[in-house]
């Protein structure tokens, strides 16, 4: 497993990722190994690093952001790719669709047109529920009601 991106981002991810793996019974150096590669913000290094990882026969590739995901997808069609923080994986041709990614690439996306419209749908639905509960749950003031001072 490896990541080809900025070292700071990988360290931030590792602080969340490593304890979760440990809970599943994996301990680095005992039953799992990591080959970390860093492009240091240089997109031109990504293709070379991706090929190095593929050539080293890793079991899976964990990458941060779309550029790293593109590089490893171009380097392999058989190693599973877990891409974290892709912009729009469908538009970037990393997956077939969000519902059914297909292929070896999967992961998380932070925006993308499909997600924006879905988030707006959910927001509208939640807002309607909120308004309905507000209207149904708010007592109608009476002449004797005491309103708190603002």
N, C-alpha and C. Protein backbone atom coordinates (compact mmCIF):
# COMPACT_ATOMS: atom_id res chain seq x y z
N UNK A 1 0.85 -1.16 0.00
CA UNK A 1 0.00 0.00 0.00
C UNK A 1 0.90 1.23 0.00
N UNK A 2 0.51 2.27 -0.71
CA UNK A 2 1.37 3.44 -0.77
C UNK A 2 0.57 4.67 -1.13
N UNK A 3 1.17 5.81 -0.93
CA UNK A 3 0.54 7.07 -1.31
C UNK A 3 1.58 7.93 -2.02
N UNK A 4 1.19 8.58 -3.07
CA UNK A 4 2.11 9.43 -3.81
C UNK A 4 1.56 10.85 -3.77
N UNK A 5 1.98 11.63 -2.81
CA UNK A 5 1.48 12.98 -2.65
C UNK A 5 2.34 13.76 -1.68
N UNK A 6 1.83 14.81 -1.12
CA UNK A 6 2.53 15.67 -0.17
C UNK A 6 2.71 14.98 1.17
N UNK A 7 3.93 14.99 1.77
CA UNK A 7 4.17 14.31 3.04
C UNK A 7 3.25 14.77 4.18
N UNK A 8 2.94 16.05 4.25
CA UNK A 8 2.08 16.56 5.32
C UNK A 8 0.70 15.94 5.23
N UNK A 9 0.16 15.85 4.02
CA UNK A 9 -1.16 15.25 3.83
C UNK A 9 -1.14 13.78 4.23
N UNK A 10 -0.08 13.07 3.88
CA UNK A 10 0.01 11.65 4.21
C UNK A 10 0.08 11.47 5.72
N UNK A 11 0.85 12.33 6.39
CA UNK A 11 0.95 12.22 7.84
C UNK A 11 -0.40 12.48 8.50
N UNK A 12 -1.16 13.46 7.99
CA UNK A 12 -2.48 13.74 8.54
C UNK A 12 -3.41 12.53 8.33
N UNK A 13 -3.34 11.95 7.15
CA UNK A 13 -4.15 10.76 6.86
C UNK A 13 -3.73 9.60 7.74
N UNK A 14 -2.43 9.42 7.92
CA UNK A 14 -1.93 8.30 8.72
C UNK A 14 -2.41 8.35 10.16
N UNK A 15 -2.56 9.55 10.70
CA UNK A 15 -3.01 9.65 12.10
C UNK A 15 -4.42 9.11 12.27
N UNK A 16 -5.20 9.09 11.19
CA UNK A 16 -6.55 8.52 11.25
C UNK A 16 -6.59 7.09 10.73
N UNK A 17 -5.80 6.83 9.73
CA UNK A 17 -5.83 5.57 9.01
C UNK A 17 -5.15 4.44 9.80
N UNK A 18 -4.02 4.71 10.37
CA UNK A 18 -3.25 3.68 11.06
C UNK A 18 -3.99 3.10 12.27
N UNK A 19 -4.59 3.93 13.14
CA UNK A 19 -5.34 3.35 14.26
C UNK A 19 -6.51 2.47 13.79
N UNK A 20 -7.15 2.86 12.70
CA UNK A 20 -8.26 2.06 12.17
C UNK A 20 -7.75 0.71 11.68
N UNK A 21 -6.60 0.70 11.02
CA UNK A 21 -6.03 -0.57 10.59
C UNK A 21 -5.63 -1.43 11.78
N UNK A 22 -5.09 -0.78 12.80
CA UNK A 22 -4.68 -1.51 14.01
C UNK A 22 -5.89 -2.18 14.67
N UNK A 23 -7.02 -1.48 14.69
CA UNK A 23 -8.24 -2.06 15.24
C UNK A 23 -8.68 -3.30 14.47
N UNK A 24 -8.32 -3.34 13.18
CA UNK A 24 -8.67 -4.49 12.34
C UNK A 24 -7.61 -5.59 12.41
N UNK A 25 -6.57 -5.37 13.26
CA UNK A 25 -5.57 -6.40 13.44
C UNK A 25 -4.30 -6.23 12.63
N UNK A 26 -4.14 -5.09 11.98
CA UNK A 26 -2.94 -4.84 11.17
C UNK A 26 -1.96 -3.95 11.92
N UNK A 27 -0.70 -4.34 11.91
CA UNK A 27 0.35 -3.55 12.54
C UNK A 27 1.50 -3.41 11.55
N UNK A 28 1.87 -2.17 11.27
CA UNK A 28 2.94 -1.92 10.32
C UNK A 28 4.22 -2.61 10.78
N UNK A 29 4.85 -3.30 9.85
CA UNK A 29 6.09 -4.01 10.15
C UNK A 29 5.86 -5.45 10.60
N UNK A 30 4.63 -5.77 10.97
CA UNK A 30 4.33 -7.14 11.39
C UNK A 30 3.53 -7.89 10.34
N UNK A 31 2.36 -7.34 9.99
CA UNK A 31 1.53 -8.03 9.00
C UNK A 31 1.05 -7.09 7.88
N UNK A 32 1.63 -5.91 7.83
CA UNK A 32 1.33 -4.97 6.75
C UNK A 32 2.54 -4.06 6.56
N UNK A 33 2.80 -3.70 5.32
CA UNK A 33 3.93 -2.82 5.01
C UNK A 33 3.43 -1.66 4.15
N UNK A 34 4.07 -0.53 4.31
CA UNK A 34 3.73 0.66 3.54
C UNK A 34 4.96 1.15 2.79
N UNK A 35 4.76 1.48 1.54
CA UNK A 35 5.82 2.06 0.71
C UNK A 35 5.34 3.46 0.36
N UNK A 36 5.81 4.43 1.10
CA UNK A 36 5.33 5.81 0.92
C UNK A 36 6.18 6.53 -0.12
N UNK A 37 5.50 7.17 -1.04
CA UNK A 37 6.17 7.95 -2.08
C UNK A 37 5.59 9.35 -2.05
N UNK A 38 6.44 10.34 -2.24
CA UNK A 38 6.00 11.73 -2.17
C UNK A 38 6.40 12.48 -3.43
N UNK A 39 5.45 13.17 -4.02
CA UNK A 39 5.72 13.97 -5.21
C UNK A 39 6.13 15.38 -4.85
N UNK A 40 6.01 15.75 -3.59
CA UNK A 40 6.40 17.08 -3.11
C UNK A 40 5.77 18.21 -3.94
N UNK A 41 4.52 17.99 -4.33
CA UNK A 41 3.80 19.01 -5.10
C UNK A 41 4.18 19.07 -6.57
N UNK A 42 5.04 18.18 -7.03
CA UNK A 42 5.49 18.18 -8.42
C UNK A 42 4.70 17.13 -9.20
N UNK A 43 3.74 17.58 -9.99
CA UNK A 43 2.87 16.67 -10.74
C UNK A 43 3.67 15.81 -11.71
N UNK A 44 4.82 16.30 -12.19
CA UNK A 44 5.62 15.53 -13.13
C UNK A 44 6.23 14.28 -12.50
N UNK A 45 6.40 14.27 -11.19
CA UNK A 45 6.95 13.10 -10.50
C UNK A 45 5.92 11.99 -10.33
N UNK A 46 4.65 12.33 -10.40
CA UNK A 46 3.60 11.35 -10.09
C UNK A 46 3.64 10.12 -10.97
N UNK A 47 3.83 10.28 -12.27
CA UNK A 47 3.85 9.12 -13.18
C UNK A 47 5.00 8.18 -12.84
N UNK A 48 6.16 8.74 -12.59
CA UNK A 48 7.33 7.92 -12.25
C UNK A 48 7.10 7.18 -10.93
N UNK A 49 6.58 7.89 -9.93
CA UNK A 49 6.33 7.27 -8.64
C UNK A 49 5.26 6.19 -8.74
N UNK A 50 4.22 6.46 -9.50
CA UNK A 50 3.16 5.47 -9.69
C UNK A 50 3.72 4.20 -10.33
N UNK A 51 4.57 4.36 -11.33
CA UNK A 51 5.16 3.20 -12.00
C UNK A 51 6.08 2.43 -11.05
N UNK A 52 6.83 3.14 -10.21
CA UNK A 52 7.68 2.48 -9.21
C UNK A 52 6.83 1.62 -8.28
N UNK A 53 5.71 2.14 -7.85
CA UNK A 53 4.84 1.39 -6.95
C UNK A 53 4.26 0.16 -7.63
N UNK A 54 3.82 0.32 -8.85
CA UNK A 54 3.26 -0.80 -9.60
C UNK A 54 4.34 -1.86 -9.82
N UNK A 55 5.53 -1.43 -10.17
CA UNK A 55 6.64 -2.37 -10.40
C UNK A 55 7.05 -3.11 -9.13
N UNK A 56 6.81 -2.51 -7.97
CA UNK A 56 7.17 -3.18 -6.72
C UNK A 56 6.09 -4.16 -6.26
N UNK A 57 5.06 -4.33 -7.07
CA UNK A 57 4.00 -5.32 -6.84
C UNK A 57 3.28 -5.13 -5.51
N UNK A 58 2.85 -3.93 -5.24
CA UNK A 58 2.06 -3.66 -4.03
C UNK A 58 0.70 -4.32 -4.18
N UNK A 59 0.04 -4.57 -3.06
CA UNK A 59 -1.29 -5.19 -3.08
C UNK A 59 -2.39 -4.19 -3.34
N UNK A 60 -2.18 -2.94 -2.95
CA UNK A 60 -3.17 -1.89 -3.15
C UNK A 60 -2.44 -0.55 -3.16
N UNK A 61 -3.07 0.43 -3.74
CA UNK A 61 -2.53 1.78 -3.80
C UNK A 61 -3.50 2.73 -3.12
N UNK A 62 -3.02 3.48 -2.15
CA UNK A 62 -3.84 4.50 -1.50
C UNK A 62 -3.22 5.83 -1.88
N UNK A 63 -4.02 6.67 -2.52
CA UNK A 63 -3.51 7.95 -3.00
C UNK A 63 -4.40 9.09 -2.53
N UNK A 64 -3.82 10.27 -2.45
CA UNK A 64 -4.56 11.46 -2.08
C UNK A 64 -4.69 12.37 -3.30
N UNK A 65 -5.90 12.74 -3.61
CA UNK A 65 -6.23 13.73 -4.64
C UNK A 65 -6.22 13.15 -6.06
N UNK A 66 -6.88 13.87 -6.92
CA UNK A 66 -7.09 13.44 -8.30
C UNK A 66 -5.80 13.24 -9.09
N UNK A 67 -4.82 14.15 -9.03
CA UNK A 67 -3.61 13.94 -9.84
C UNK A 67 -2.91 12.61 -9.53
N UNK A 68 -2.80 12.24 -8.26
CA UNK A 68 -2.17 10.98 -7.89
C UNK A 68 -3.03 9.80 -8.35
N UNK A 69 -4.34 9.94 -8.25
CA UNK A 69 -5.24 8.88 -8.71
C UNK A 69 -5.09 8.66 -10.22
N UNK A 70 -5.01 9.75 -10.97
CA UNK A 70 -4.81 9.63 -12.43
C UNK A 70 -3.51 8.90 -12.75
N UNK A 71 -2.45 9.27 -12.04
CA UNK A 71 -1.14 8.68 -12.32
C UNK A 71 -1.14 7.18 -12.07
N UNK A 72 -1.71 6.74 -10.94
CA UNK A 72 -1.70 5.29 -10.66
C UNK A 72 -2.67 4.55 -11.56
N UNK A 73 -3.78 5.18 -11.94
CA UNK A 73 -4.72 4.51 -12.85
C UNK A 73 -4.09 4.30 -14.22
N UNK A 74 -3.26 5.25 -14.65
CA UNK A 74 -2.57 5.08 -15.93
C UNK A 74 -1.48 4.01 -15.83
N UNK A 75 -0.95 3.78 -14.64
CA UNK A 75 0.14 2.82 -14.46
C UNK A 75 -0.34 1.39 -14.28
N UNK A 76 -1.60 1.18 -13.87
CA UNK A 76 -2.09 -0.18 -13.63
C UNK A 76 -3.58 -0.30 -13.92
N UNK A 77 -3.95 -1.50 -14.31
CA UNK A 77 -5.38 -1.80 -14.45
C UNK A 77 -5.74 -3.01 -13.60
N UNK A 78 -4.79 -3.47 -12.78
CA UNK A 78 -5.06 -4.67 -11.99
C UNK A 78 -4.90 -4.49 -10.48
N UNK A 79 -4.23 -3.44 -10.03
CA UNK A 79 -4.04 -3.21 -8.60
C UNK A 79 -5.16 -2.31 -8.09
N UNK A 80 -5.84 -2.69 -7.00
CA UNK A 80 -6.88 -1.83 -6.45
C UNK A 80 -6.33 -0.46 -6.04
N UNK A 81 -7.08 0.57 -6.37
CA UNK A 81 -6.70 1.95 -6.07
C UNK A 81 -7.75 2.54 -5.13
N UNK A 82 -7.31 3.03 -4.00
CA UNK A 82 -8.18 3.73 -3.06
C UNK A 82 -7.76 5.18 -3.11
N UNK A 83 -8.59 6.00 -3.73
CA UNK A 83 -8.26 7.42 -3.92
C UNK A 83 -9.08 8.24 -2.93
N UNK A 84 -8.39 9.03 -2.15
CA UNK A 84 -9.03 9.85 -1.13
C UNK A 84 -9.02 11.31 -1.58
N UNK A 85 -10.19 11.92 -1.61
CA UNK A 85 -10.29 13.34 -1.94
C UNK A 85 -10.20 13.64 -3.42
N UNK A 86 -10.83 12.82 -4.24
CA UNK A 86 -10.87 13.13 -5.67
C UNK A 86 -11.84 14.28 -5.89
N UNK A 87 -11.58 15.08 -6.90
CA UNK A 87 -12.47 16.21 -7.19
C UNK A 87 -13.75 15.71 -7.85
N UNK A 88 -13.65 15.20 -9.05
CA UNK A 88 -14.81 14.67 -9.77
C UNK A 88 -14.37 13.41 -10.50
N UNK A 89 -14.44 12.26 -9.84
CA UNK A 89 -13.91 11.03 -10.43
C UNK A 89 -14.58 10.60 -11.72
N UNK A 90 -15.84 10.96 -11.92
CA UNK A 90 -16.52 10.60 -13.17
C UNK A 90 -15.99 11.48 -14.31
N UNK A 91 -15.98 12.78 -14.11
CA UNK A 91 -15.48 13.71 -15.12
C UNK A 91 -14.00 13.46 -15.44
N UNK A 92 -13.24 13.07 -14.43
CA UNK A 92 -11.81 12.82 -14.61
C UNK A 92 -11.53 11.41 -15.13
N UNK A 93 -12.61 10.67 -15.45
CA UNK A 93 -12.53 9.33 -16.03
C UNK A 93 -11.77 8.34 -15.15
N UNK A 94 -11.90 8.51 -13.84
CA UNK A 94 -11.31 7.57 -12.89
C UNK A 94 -12.28 6.44 -12.57
N UNK A 95 -13.58 6.73 -12.64
CA UNK A 95 -14.64 5.74 -12.40
C UNK A 95 -15.74 5.93 -13.44
N UNK A 96 -16.54 4.87 -13.61
CA UNK A 96 -17.65 4.94 -14.56
C UNK A 96 -18.78 5.82 -14.04
N UNK A 97 -19.12 5.63 -12.76
CA UNK A 97 -20.15 6.43 -12.12
C UNK A 97 -19.91 6.37 -10.62
N UNK A 98 -20.53 7.27 -9.88
CA UNK A 98 -20.37 7.25 -8.42
C UNK A 98 -21.11 6.06 -7.81
N UNK A 99 -22.24 5.70 -8.40
CA UNK A 99 -23.02 4.58 -7.87
C UNK A 99 -22.33 3.24 -8.14
N UNK A 100 -21.73 3.10 -9.29
CA UNK A 100 -21.03 1.86 -9.68
C UNK A 100 -19.71 2.24 -10.33
N UNK A 101 -18.67 2.42 -9.51
CA UNK A 101 -17.39 2.90 -10.04
C UNK A 101 -16.78 1.99 -11.10
N UNK A 102 -16.91 0.68 -10.94
CA UNK A 102 -16.30 -0.25 -11.89
C UNK A 102 -14.78 -0.16 -11.83
N UNK A 103 -14.11 -1.05 -12.51
CA UNK A 103 -12.65 -1.01 -12.56
C UNK A 103 -12.00 -1.18 -11.19
N UNK A 104 -10.78 -0.72 -11.09
CA UNK A 104 -9.99 -0.90 -9.87
C UNK A 104 -9.98 0.32 -8.96
N UNK A 105 -10.48 1.45 -9.43
CA UNK A 105 -10.41 2.70 -8.66
C UNK A 105 -11.69 2.93 -7.86
N UNK A 106 -11.52 3.26 -6.59
CA UNK A 106 -12.64 3.57 -5.72
C UNK A 106 -12.14 4.57 -4.69
N UNK A 107 -13.02 5.17 -3.93
CA UNK A 107 -12.57 6.09 -2.90
C UNK A 107 -13.59 7.14 -2.58
N UNK A 108 -13.10 8.33 -2.22
CA UNK A 108 -13.99 9.42 -1.82
C UNK A 108 -13.80 10.62 -2.73
N UNK A 109 -14.90 11.32 -2.94
CA UNK A 109 -14.87 12.55 -3.74
C UNK A 109 -15.43 13.66 -2.88
N UNK A 110 -14.88 14.85 -3.04
CA UNK A 110 -15.35 15.95 -2.19
C UNK A 110 -16.29 16.89 -2.90
N UNK A 111 -16.45 16.82 -4.20
CA UNK A 111 -17.37 17.73 -4.86
C UNK A 111 -18.05 17.01 -6.00
N UNK A 112 -17.73 17.31 -7.19
CA UNK A 112 -18.32 16.66 -8.35
C UNK A 112 -19.76 17.06 -8.55
N UNK A 113 -20.17 17.28 -9.80
CA UNK A 113 -21.53 17.71 -10.11
C UNK A 113 -22.61 16.76 -9.58
N UNK A 114 -22.38 15.45 -9.66
CA UNK A 114 -23.39 14.50 -9.17
C UNK A 114 -23.60 14.68 -7.67
N UNK A 115 -22.53 14.91 -6.94
CA UNK A 115 -22.65 15.07 -5.50
C UNK A 115 -23.28 16.40 -5.13
N UNK A 116 -22.97 17.45 -5.87
CA UNK A 116 -23.54 18.77 -5.57
C UNK A 116 -25.05 18.71 -5.70
N UNK A 117 -25.55 18.16 -6.79
CA UNK A 117 -27.00 18.11 -6.97
C UNK A 117 -27.64 17.22 -5.91
N UNK A 118 -26.99 16.11 -5.56
CA UNK A 118 -27.53 15.23 -4.52
C UNK A 118 -27.53 15.93 -3.16
N UNK A 119 -26.48 16.67 -2.85
CA UNK A 119 -26.42 17.40 -1.59
C UNK A 119 -27.51 18.47 -1.53
N UNK A 120 -27.78 19.13 -2.65
CA UNK A 120 -28.85 20.13 -2.68
C UNK A 120 -30.21 19.46 -2.46
N UNK A 121 -30.41 18.29 -3.06
CA UNK A 121 -31.66 17.56 -2.84
C UNK A 121 -31.83 17.22 -1.36
N UNK A 122 -30.79 16.72 -0.75
CA UNK A 122 -30.85 16.38 0.68
C UNK A 122 -31.09 17.62 1.53
N UNK A 123 -30.42 18.71 1.19
CA UNK A 123 -30.60 19.95 1.94
C UNK A 123 -32.04 20.44 1.85
N UNK A 124 -32.63 20.39 0.65
CA UNK A 124 -34.02 20.80 0.49
C UNK A 124 -34.94 19.92 1.32
N UNK A 125 -34.69 18.60 1.30
CA UNK A 125 -35.52 17.67 2.05
C UNK A 125 -35.39 17.94 3.56
N UNK A 126 -34.15 18.13 4.02
CA UNK A 126 -33.93 18.41 5.44
C UNK A 126 -34.56 19.74 5.84
N UNK A 127 -34.47 20.73 4.97
CA UNK A 127 -35.05 22.03 5.28
C UNK A 127 -36.56 21.94 5.40
N UNK A 128 -37.20 21.14 4.51
CA UNK A 128 -38.65 20.95 4.59
C UNK A 128 -39.03 20.27 5.90
N UNK A 129 -38.28 19.25 6.28
CA UNK A 129 -38.55 18.55 7.54
C UNK A 129 -38.36 19.51 8.71
N UNK A 130 -37.31 20.31 8.66
CA UNK A 130 -37.04 21.28 9.71
C UNK A 130 -38.19 22.28 9.82
N UNK A 131 -38.63 22.83 8.68
CA UNK A 131 -39.72 23.79 8.69
C UNK A 131 -41.01 23.16 9.20
N UNK A 132 -41.26 21.91 8.76
CA UNK A 132 -42.48 21.23 9.22
C UNK A 132 -42.45 21.02 10.73
N UNK A 133 -41.31 20.61 11.25
CA UNK A 133 -41.22 20.39 12.69
C UNK A 133 -41.26 21.71 13.44
N UNK A 134 -40.72 22.75 12.85
CA UNK A 134 -40.75 24.07 13.48
C UNK A 134 -42.18 24.58 13.56
N UNK A 135 -42.90 24.42 12.45
CA UNK A 135 -44.28 24.89 12.42
C UNK A 135 -45.18 24.05 13.33
N UNK A 136 -44.98 22.77 13.33
CA UNK A 136 -45.82 21.88 14.15
C UNK A 136 -45.41 21.92 15.61
N UNK A 137 -44.17 22.19 15.88
CA UNK A 137 -43.68 22.11 17.25
C UNK A 137 -43.63 23.42 17.99
N UNK A 138 -43.92 24.53 17.35
CA UNK A 138 -43.86 25.82 18.00
C UNK A 138 -45.24 26.19 18.51
N UNK A 139 -45.40 26.40 19.81
CA UNK A 139 -46.73 26.76 20.33
C UNK A 139 -47.13 28.17 19.87
N UNK A 140 -48.42 28.30 19.68
CA UNK A 140 -48.95 29.61 19.31
C UNK A 140 -49.04 30.45 20.57
N UNK A 141 -48.48 31.66 20.54
CA UNK A 141 -48.51 32.48 21.76
C UNK A 141 -49.94 32.87 22.13
N UNK A 142 -50.21 32.91 23.40
CA UNK A 142 -51.51 33.35 23.90
C UNK A 142 -51.28 34.67 24.63
N UNK A 143 -52.37 35.27 25.05
CA UNK A 143 -52.28 36.56 25.73
C UNK A 143 -51.47 36.43 27.03
N UNK A 144 -51.53 35.26 27.67
CA UNK A 144 -50.84 35.10 28.94
C UNK A 144 -49.41 34.58 28.76
N UNK A 145 -48.98 34.33 27.52
CA UNK A 145 -47.63 33.78 27.31
C UNK A 145 -46.57 34.80 27.71
N UNK A 146 -45.56 34.33 28.35
CA UNK A 146 -44.44 35.17 28.74
C UNK A 146 -43.28 34.91 27.79
N UNK A 147 -42.83 35.91 27.06
CA UNK A 147 -41.69 35.78 26.16
C UNK A 147 -40.44 36.20 26.88
N UNK A 148 -39.39 35.42 26.75
CA UNK A 148 -38.14 35.80 27.41
C UNK A 148 -37.60 37.09 26.80
N UNK A 149 -36.93 37.84 27.62
CA UNK A 149 -36.32 39.09 27.15
C UNK A 149 -35.11 38.74 26.29
N UNK A 150 -34.93 39.50 25.24
CA UNK A 150 -33.78 39.26 24.33
C UNK A 150 -32.63 40.15 24.72
